[in-house]
């Protein structure tokens, strides 16, 4: 069930979106107008940040605080390099997907605000995902990557 509202007053937790719900995920979280662009940008950020990324199936996750993210469906670890802040490190597919999703949300927020469309839902999604990061086992690496 897609839900954009917080349902867990404690630490946020991620839930893998079921196959039957995948078609609703992108329009629900990115909105119908930005769903294709949002999905494409996540994949592009992953390619930009992880030179060894070669595509593949992705999982979609809902976070109980209203956030969401996408991550490669892989047990592989990825070498992540962020040119803008000098970060280099090895992250799980889950953590690398979170980084790519956060970069996408940040970029889309700025582009929507510049167009005058506000992007308030994207801003909320960014902050909800960032709050979830604080509970993630790779929080320190993710935070360094997005700094």
N, C-alpha and C. Protein backbone atom coordinates (compact mmCIF):
# COMPACT_ATOMS: atom_id res chain seq x y z
N UNK A 1 0.84 -1.18 0.00
CA UNK A 1 0.00 0.00 0.00
C UNK A 1 0.88 1.24 0.00
N UNK A 2 0.70 2.11 -0.96
CA UNK A 2 1.46 3.36 -1.03
C UNK A 2 0.89 4.32 0.01
N UNK A 3 1.78 4.91 0.80
CA UNK A 3 1.36 5.89 1.78
C UNK A 3 2.42 6.96 1.92
N UNK A 4 2.04 8.20 1.83
CA UNK A 4 3.01 9.29 1.92
C UNK A 4 3.04 9.89 3.31
N UNK A 5 2.29 9.34 4.23
CA UNK A 5 2.27 9.89 5.58
C UNK A 5 3.03 8.97 6.53
N UNK A 6 3.54 9.57 7.59
CA UNK A 6 4.28 8.80 8.58
C UNK A 6 3.34 7.84 9.28
N UNK A 7 3.73 6.58 9.37
CA UNK A 7 2.92 5.57 10.05
C UNK A 7 3.65 4.96 11.22
N UNK A 8 4.87 5.38 11.47
CA UNK A 8 5.67 4.81 12.54
C UNK A 8 6.26 5.95 13.36
N UNK A 9 5.76 6.15 14.58
CA UNK A 9 6.27 7.27 15.37
C UNK A 9 7.70 7.06 15.88
N UNK A 10 8.21 5.85 15.86
CA UNK A 10 9.58 5.56 16.30
C UNK A 10 10.56 5.76 15.17
N UNK A 11 11.62 4.96 15.18
CA UNK A 11 12.59 5.03 14.09
C UNK A 11 11.95 4.61 12.79
N UNK A 12 12.22 5.34 11.72
CA UNK A 12 11.64 4.95 10.43
C UNK A 12 12.25 3.63 9.95
N UNK A 13 11.42 2.83 9.30
CA UNK A 13 11.86 1.56 8.73
C UNK A 13 11.45 1.50 7.26
N UNK A 14 12.24 0.78 6.48
CA UNK A 14 11.96 0.63 5.06
C UNK A 14 11.22 -0.67 4.81
N UNK A 15 10.33 -0.62 3.83
CA UNK A 15 9.56 -1.79 3.41
C UNK A 15 9.75 -1.96 1.91
N UNK A 16 10.18 -3.16 1.51
CA UNK A 16 10.30 -3.48 0.10
C UNK A 16 8.92 -3.47 -0.53
N UNK A 17 8.77 -2.73 -1.61
CA UNK A 17 7.49 -2.64 -2.32
C UNK A 17 7.26 -3.96 -3.06
N UNK A 18 6.08 -4.51 -2.89
CA UNK A 18 5.72 -5.78 -3.54
C UNK A 18 5.58 -5.59 -5.04
N UNK A 19 5.79 -6.66 -5.78
CA UNK A 19 5.68 -6.62 -7.24
C UNK A 19 4.37 -6.02 -7.70
N UNK A 20 3.28 -6.38 -7.06
CA UNK A 20 1.95 -5.90 -7.46
C UNK A 20 1.79 -4.39 -7.24
N UNK A 21 2.64 -3.77 -6.44
CA UNK A 21 2.55 -2.34 -6.13
C UNK A 21 3.53 -1.48 -6.92
N UNK A 22 4.41 -2.12 -7.67
CA UNK A 22 5.49 -1.37 -8.34
C UNK A 22 4.97 -0.34 -9.33
N UNK A 23 3.90 -0.64 -10.05
CA UNK A 23 3.39 0.30 -11.05
C UNK A 23 2.88 1.60 -10.43
N UNK A 24 2.47 1.55 -9.18
CA UNK A 24 1.96 2.74 -8.49
C UNK A 24 3.06 3.55 -7.81
N UNK A 25 4.22 2.96 -7.63
CA UNK A 25 5.29 3.57 -6.83
C UNK A 25 5.79 4.90 -7.41
N UNK A 26 6.24 4.89 -8.64
CA UNK A 26 6.84 6.09 -9.23
C UNK A 26 5.85 7.25 -9.35
N UNK A 27 4.62 7.02 -9.87
CA UNK A 27 3.70 8.16 -9.93
C UNK A 27 3.29 8.66 -8.54
N UNK A 28 3.25 7.76 -7.57
CA UNK A 28 2.86 8.18 -6.23
C UNK A 28 3.92 9.07 -5.60
N UNK A 29 5.19 8.67 -5.67
CA UNK A 29 6.24 9.41 -4.98
C UNK A 29 6.84 10.56 -5.79
N UNK A 30 7.02 10.39 -7.08
CA UNK A 30 7.56 11.48 -7.90
C UNK A 30 6.44 12.35 -8.47
N UNK A 31 5.23 11.83 -8.48
CA UNK A 31 4.12 12.51 -9.12
C UNK A 31 4.05 12.10 -10.57
N UNK A 32 2.84 12.15 -11.16
CA UNK A 32 2.69 11.70 -12.55
C UNK A 32 3.55 12.48 -13.53
N UNK A 33 3.75 13.76 -13.30
CA UNK A 33 4.51 14.59 -14.23
C UNK A 33 6.00 14.28 -14.19
N UNK A 34 6.53 13.90 -13.03
CA UNK A 34 7.97 13.71 -12.87
C UNK A 34 8.39 12.25 -12.72
N UNK A 35 7.44 11.31 -12.84
CA UNK A 35 7.80 9.91 -12.55
C UNK A 35 8.86 9.37 -13.50
N UNK A 36 8.75 9.63 -14.78
CA UNK A 36 9.75 9.11 -15.73
C UNK A 36 11.08 9.81 -15.54
N UNK A 37 11.05 11.12 -15.34
CA UNK A 37 12.28 11.88 -15.12
C UNK A 37 12.94 11.45 -13.82
N UNK A 38 12.16 11.29 -12.75
CA UNK A 38 12.71 10.87 -11.47
C UNK A 38 13.38 9.52 -11.54
N UNK A 39 12.71 8.56 -12.16
CA UNK A 39 13.29 7.22 -12.30
C UNK A 39 14.58 7.28 -13.11
N UNK A 40 14.53 7.98 -14.23
CA UNK A 40 15.70 8.11 -15.10
C UNK A 40 16.87 8.76 -14.36
N UNK A 41 16.59 9.80 -13.59
CA UNK A 41 17.66 10.50 -12.87
C UNK A 41 18.31 9.62 -11.81
N UNK A 42 17.52 8.79 -11.14
CA UNK A 42 18.13 7.88 -10.15
C UNK A 42 19.14 6.97 -10.85
N UNK A 43 18.75 6.40 -11.98
CA UNK A 43 19.66 5.52 -12.72
C UNK A 43 20.90 6.29 -13.20
N UNK A 44 20.69 7.51 -13.68
CA UNK A 44 21.81 8.33 -14.16
C UNK A 44 22.76 8.70 -13.03
N UNK A 45 22.20 9.05 -11.86
CA UNK A 45 23.07 9.36 -10.71
C UNK A 45 23.88 8.13 -10.30
N UNK A 46 23.24 6.98 -10.34
CA UNK A 46 23.96 5.75 -9.98
C UNK A 46 25.14 5.54 -10.94
N UNK A 47 24.90 5.73 -12.23
CA UNK A 47 25.98 5.59 -13.22
C UNK A 47 27.06 6.64 -13.00
N UNK A 48 26.67 7.85 -12.67
CA UNK A 48 27.63 8.94 -12.43
C UNK A 48 28.49 8.67 -11.20
N UNK A 49 27.88 8.17 -10.14
CA UNK A 49 28.56 7.98 -8.87
C UNK A 49 29.32 6.66 -8.78
N UNK A 50 28.89 5.67 -9.54
CA UNK A 50 29.46 4.31 -9.47
C UNK A 50 29.89 3.88 -10.86
N UNK A 51 31.13 4.08 -11.18
CA UNK A 51 31.60 3.77 -12.54
C UNK A 51 31.47 2.29 -12.88
N UNK A 52 31.37 1.41 -11.86
CA UNK A 52 31.24 -0.01 -12.13
C UNK A 52 29.78 -0.47 -12.24
N UNK A 53 28.83 0.45 -12.08
CA UNK A 53 27.41 0.10 -12.21
C UNK A 53 27.08 -0.14 -13.68
N UNK A 54 26.40 -1.25 -13.97
CA UNK A 54 26.09 -1.61 -15.35
C UNK A 54 24.60 -1.88 -15.57
N UNK A 55 23.74 -1.36 -14.72
CA UNK A 55 22.30 -1.56 -14.90
C UNK A 55 21.81 -2.80 -14.19
N UNK A 56 20.53 -3.08 -14.34
CA UNK A 56 19.93 -4.25 -13.73
C UNK A 56 18.62 -3.91 -13.06
N UNK A 57 18.03 -4.90 -12.42
CA UNK A 57 16.76 -4.75 -11.72
C UNK A 57 16.94 -3.92 -10.46
N UNK A 58 15.97 -3.09 -10.17
CA UNK A 58 15.99 -2.26 -8.96
C UNK A 58 14.81 -2.60 -8.06
N UNK A 59 15.04 -2.47 -6.77
CA UNK A 59 13.97 -2.59 -5.78
C UNK A 59 13.48 -1.19 -5.43
N UNK A 60 12.20 -1.11 -5.07
CA UNK A 60 11.61 0.13 -4.59
C UNK A 60 11.28 -0.06 -3.12
N UNK A 61 11.52 0.99 -2.33
CA UNK A 61 11.27 0.92 -0.89
C UNK A 61 10.44 2.12 -0.44
N UNK A 62 9.47 1.84 0.42
CA UNK A 62 8.74 2.87 1.13
C UNK A 62 9.32 2.95 2.54
N UNK A 63 9.44 4.14 3.06
CA UNK A 63 9.92 4.33 4.42
C UNK A 63 8.73 4.76 5.28
N UNK A 64 8.66 4.25 6.48
CA UNK A 64 7.49 4.46 7.33
C UNK A 64 7.25 5.92 7.72
N UNK A 65 8.23 6.78 7.50
CA UNK A 65 8.06 8.21 7.81
C UNK A 65 7.59 9.01 6.60
N UNK A 66 7.22 8.33 5.52
CA UNK A 66 6.77 9.00 4.31
C UNK A 66 7.82 9.10 3.22
N UNK A 67 9.02 8.66 3.49
CA UNK A 67 10.09 8.69 2.50
C UNK A 67 10.03 7.50 1.56
N UNK A 68 10.93 7.48 0.62
CA UNK A 68 11.04 6.38 -0.34
C UNK A 68 12.43 6.39 -0.93
N UNK A 69 12.81 5.26 -1.52
CA UNK A 69 14.05 5.20 -2.30
C UNK A 69 14.03 4.00 -3.22
N UNK A 70 14.98 4.03 -4.13
CA UNK A 70 15.20 2.95 -5.09
C UNK A 70 16.62 2.45 -4.89
N UNK A 71 16.83 1.15 -5.07
CA UNK A 71 18.17 0.57 -4.93
C UNK A 71 18.32 -0.64 -5.83
N UNK A 72 19.51 -0.85 -6.38
CA UNK A 72 19.71 -2.05 -7.19
C UNK A 72 19.40 -3.32 -6.40
N UNK A 73 18.74 -4.25 -7.04
CA UNK A 73 18.42 -5.55 -6.42
C UNK A 73 19.66 -6.43 -6.56
N UNK A 74 20.62 -6.17 -5.71
CA UNK A 74 21.92 -6.83 -5.84
C UNK A 74 22.56 -6.98 -4.47
N UNK A 75 23.37 -8.02 -4.34
CA UNK A 75 24.17 -8.17 -3.12
C UNK A 75 25.56 -7.56 -3.32
N UNK A 76 25.78 -7.04 -4.51
CA UNK A 76 27.06 -6.42 -4.88
C UNK A 76 27.31 -5.15 -4.06
N UNK A 77 28.57 -4.85 -3.84
CA UNK A 77 28.96 -3.58 -3.24
C UNK A 77 29.48 -2.70 -4.37
N UNK A 78 29.27 -1.41 -4.24
CA UNK A 78 29.64 -0.48 -5.30
C UNK A 78 30.64 0.54 -4.79
N UNK A 79 31.62 0.81 -5.63
CA UNK A 79 32.60 1.88 -5.38
C UNK A 79 31.90 3.18 -5.74
N UNK A 80 31.73 4.06 -4.78
CA UNK A 80 31.05 5.34 -4.99
C UNK A 80 32.07 6.46 -4.89
N UNK A 81 32.07 7.34 -5.87
CA UNK A 81 32.94 8.51 -5.87
C UNK A 81 32.10 9.73 -6.21
N UNK A 82 32.16 10.74 -5.31
CA UNK A 82 31.39 11.97 -5.51
C UNK A 82 32.39 13.08 -5.80
N UNK A 83 32.43 13.49 -7.04
CA UNK A 83 33.40 14.49 -7.47
C UNK A 83 33.26 15.81 -6.70
N UNK A 84 32.05 16.21 -6.41
CA UNK A 84 31.80 17.50 -5.78
C UNK A 84 32.29 17.64 -4.36
N UNK A 85 32.42 16.52 -3.63
CA UNK A 85 32.87 16.63 -2.23
C UNK A 85 34.07 15.75 -1.89
N UNK A 86 34.59 15.04 -2.88
CA UNK A 86 35.78 14.22 -2.66
C UNK A 86 35.53 12.88 -1.99
N UNK A 87 34.28 12.52 -1.77
CA UNK A 87 33.99 11.24 -1.13
C UNK A 87 34.33 10.09 -2.06
N UNK A 88 34.97 9.08 -1.51
CA UNK A 88 35.18 7.81 -2.18
C UNK A 88 35.02 6.71 -1.14
N UNK A 89 34.21 5.72 -1.46
CA UNK A 89 34.00 4.63 -0.53
C UNK A 89 33.21 3.51 -1.18
N UNK A 90 33.14 2.40 -0.47
CA UNK A 90 32.42 1.23 -0.96
C UNK A 90 31.12 1.11 -0.17
N UNK A 91 29.99 1.04 -0.89
CA UNK A 91 28.68 0.97 -0.26
C UNK A 91 27.92 -0.25 -0.77
N UNK A 92 27.02 -0.75 0.06
CA UNK A 92 26.11 -1.80 -0.38
C UNK A 92 25.22 -1.23 -1.48
N UNK A 93 24.56 -2.12 -2.22
CA UNK A 93 23.63 -1.67 -3.24
C UNK A 93 22.52 -0.83 -2.62
N UNK A 94 22.06 -1.21 -1.44
CA UNK A 94 21.02 -0.46 -0.75
C UNK A 94 21.48 0.96 -0.45
N UNK A 95 22.66 1.09 0.15
CA UNK A 95 23.19 2.41 0.50
C UNK A 95 23.48 3.24 -0.75
N UNK A 96 24.04 2.63 -1.77
CA UNK A 96 24.32 3.36 -3.01
C UNK A 96 23.02 3.84 -3.65
N UNK A 97 21.97 3.03 -3.60
CA UNK A 97 20.67 3.44 -4.12
C UNK A 97 20.10 4.61 -3.34
N UNK A 98 20.28 4.59 -2.03
CA UNK A 98 19.82 5.72 -1.21
C UNK A 98 20.54 6.99 -1.62
N UNK A 99 21.84 6.90 -1.82
CA UNK A 99 22.63 8.07 -2.23
C UNK A 99 22.12 8.58 -3.58
N UNK A 100 21.92 7.69 -4.54
CA UNK A 100 21.43 8.10 -5.86
C UNK A 100 20.04 8.73 -5.76
N UNK A 101 19.20 8.18 -4.90
CA UNK A 101 17.85 8.74 -4.72
C UNK A 101 17.92 10.12 -4.07
N UNK A 102 18.78 10.29 -3.07
CA UNK A 102 18.92 11.60 -2.42
C UNK A 102 19.45 12.65 -3.39
N UNK A 103 20.43 12.28 -4.21
CA UNK A 103 20.93 13.23 -5.22
C UNK A 103 19.81 13.60 -6.19
N UNK A 104 19.01 12.63 -6.60
CA UNK A 104 17.90 12.90 -7.51
C UNK A 104 16.88 13.82 -6.87
N UNK A 105 16.47 13.52 -5.65
CA UNK A 105 15.49 14.36 -4.97
C UNK A 105 16.00 15.79 -4.81
N UNK A 106 17.26 15.93 -4.43
CA UNK A 106 17.84 17.26 -4.29
C UNK A 106 17.80 18.02 -5.62
N UNK A 107 18.24 17.37 -6.68
CA UNK A 107 18.25 18.01 -7.99
C UNK A 107 16.84 18.40 -8.43
N UNK A 108 15.88 17.48 -8.27
CA UNK A 108 14.51 17.77 -8.67
C UNK A 108 13.90 18.88 -7.83
N UNK A 109 14.22 18.92 -6.54
CA UNK A 109 13.71 20.00 -5.67
C UNK A 109 14.14 21.35 -6.21
N UNK A 110 15.43 21.50 -6.50
CA UNK A 110 15.93 22.78 -7.00
C UNK A 110 15.32 23.12 -8.35
N UNK A 111 15.18 22.14 -9.23
CA UNK A 111 14.64 22.42 -10.55
C UNK A 111 13.17 22.80 -10.47
N UNK A 112 12.41 22.17 -9.60
CA UNK A 112 10.99 22.49 -9.46
C UNK A 112 10.79 23.86 -8.81
N UNK A 113 11.61 24.19 -7.83
CA UNK A 113 11.53 25.52 -7.20
C UNK A 113 11.88 26.59 -8.23
N UNK A 114 12.90 26.35 -9.04
CA UNK A 114 13.31 27.32 -10.07
C UNK A 114 12.20 27.54 -11.09
N UNK A 115 11.42 26.51 -11.38
CA UNK A 115 10.31 26.63 -12.33
C UNK A 115 9.09 27.30 -11.70
N UNK A 116 9.15 27.47 -10.39
CA UNK A 116 8.00 28.03 -9.70
C UNK A 116 6.96 27.00 -9.30
N UNK A 117 7.28 25.72 -9.48
CA UNK A 117 6.34 24.66 -9.14
C UNK A 117 6.42 24.27 -7.66
N UNK A 118 7.35 24.83 -6.93
CA UNK A 118 7.45 24.59 -5.50
C UNK A 118 8.22 23.34 -5.12
N UNK A 119 7.76 22.20 -5.53
CA UNK A 119 8.46 20.96 -5.20
C UNK A 119 8.37 20.58 -3.74
N UNK A 120 7.33 21.06 -3.02
CA UNK A 120 7.23 20.80 -1.58
C UNK A 120 7.22 19.32 -1.25
N UNK A 121 6.51 18.52 -2.04
CA UNK A 121 6.46 17.07 -1.77
C UNK A 121 7.84 16.44 -1.93
N UNK A 122 8.61 16.91 -2.91
CA UNK A 122 9.97 16.40 -3.11
C UNK A 122 10.87 16.78 -1.95
N UNK A 123 10.72 18.00 -1.47
CA UNK A 123 11.50 18.45 -0.30
C UNK A 123 11.17 17.58 0.90
N UNK A 124 9.88 17.33 1.13
CA UNK A 124 9.48 16.46 2.24
C UNK A 124 10.05 15.06 2.09
N UNK A 125 10.02 14.54 0.85
CA UNK A 125 10.57 13.20 0.60
C UNK A 125 12.06 13.15 0.88
N UNK A 126 12.79 14.20 0.47
CA UNK A 126 14.23 14.27 0.73
C UNK A 126 14.49 14.20 2.24
N UNK A 127 13.79 15.03 3.00
CA UNK A 127 14.02 15.08 4.45
C UNK A 127 13.60 13.79 5.15
N UNK A 128 12.53 13.16 4.68
CA UNK A 128 12.11 11.89 5.27
C UNK A 128 13.15 10.80 5.01
N UNK A 129 13.67 10.75 3.78
CA UNK A 129 14.71 9.76 3.47
C UNK A 129 15.98 10.05 4.25
N UNK A 130 16.34 11.31 4.36
CA UNK A 130 17.54 11.68 5.13
C UNK A 130 17.38 11.27 6.59
N UNK A 131 16.19 11.40 7.16
CA UNK A 131 15.93 10.97 8.54
C UNK A 131 16.09 9.46 8.66
N UNK A 132 15.63 8.72 7.65
CA UNK A 132 15.79 7.27 7.65
C UNK A 132 17.27 6.88 7.61
N UNK A 133 18.06 7.63 6.86
CA UNK A 133 19.50 7.35 6.73
C UNK A 133 20.16 7.26 8.10
N UNK A 134 19.72 8.08 9.04
CA UNK A 134 20.33 8.09 10.37
C UNK A 134 20.19 6.75 11.08
N UNK A 135 19.26 5.90 10.66
CA UNK A 135 19.07 4.58 11.27
C UNK A 135 19.72 3.47 10.44
N UNK A 136 20.26 3.81 9.29
CA UNK A 136 20.82 2.82 8.37
C UNK A 136 22.20 2.36 8.86
N UNK A 137 22.53 1.07 8.70
CA UNK A 137 23.85 0.58 9.14
C UNK A 137 25.02 1.31 8.48
N UNK A 138 24.82 1.87 7.29
CA UNK A 138 25.89 2.59 6.59
C UNK A 138 25.67 4.11 6.64
N UNK A 139 25.02 4.58 7.70
CA UNK A 139 24.67 6.00 7.81
C UNK A 139 25.88 6.91 7.63
N UNK A 140 26.99 6.62 8.27
CA UNK A 140 28.17 7.50 8.21
C UNK A 140 28.66 7.65 6.77
N UNK A 141 28.71 6.54 6.03
CA UNK A 141 29.17 6.61 4.63
C UNK A 141 28.16 7.35 3.75
N UNK A 142 26.88 7.08 3.95
CA UNK A 142 25.86 7.77 3.15
C UNK A 142 25.93 9.26 3.40
N UNK A 143 26.02 9.67 4.65
CA UNK A 143 26.08 11.09 4.99
C UNK A 143 27.32 11.75 4.41
N UNK A 144 28.44 11.05 4.44
CA UNK A 144 29.66 11.61 3.83
C UNK A 144 29.50 11.76 2.32
N UNK A 145 28.83 10.80 1.70
CA UNK A 145 28.64 10.84 0.25
C UNK A 145 27.75 12.01 -0.17
N UNK A 146 26.74 12.33 0.64
CA UNK A 146 25.82 13.40 0.24
C UNK A 146 26.20 14.76 0.78
N UNK A 147 27.27 14.83 1.57
CA UNK A 147 27.68 16.10 2.18
C UNK A 147 28.14 17.10 1.13
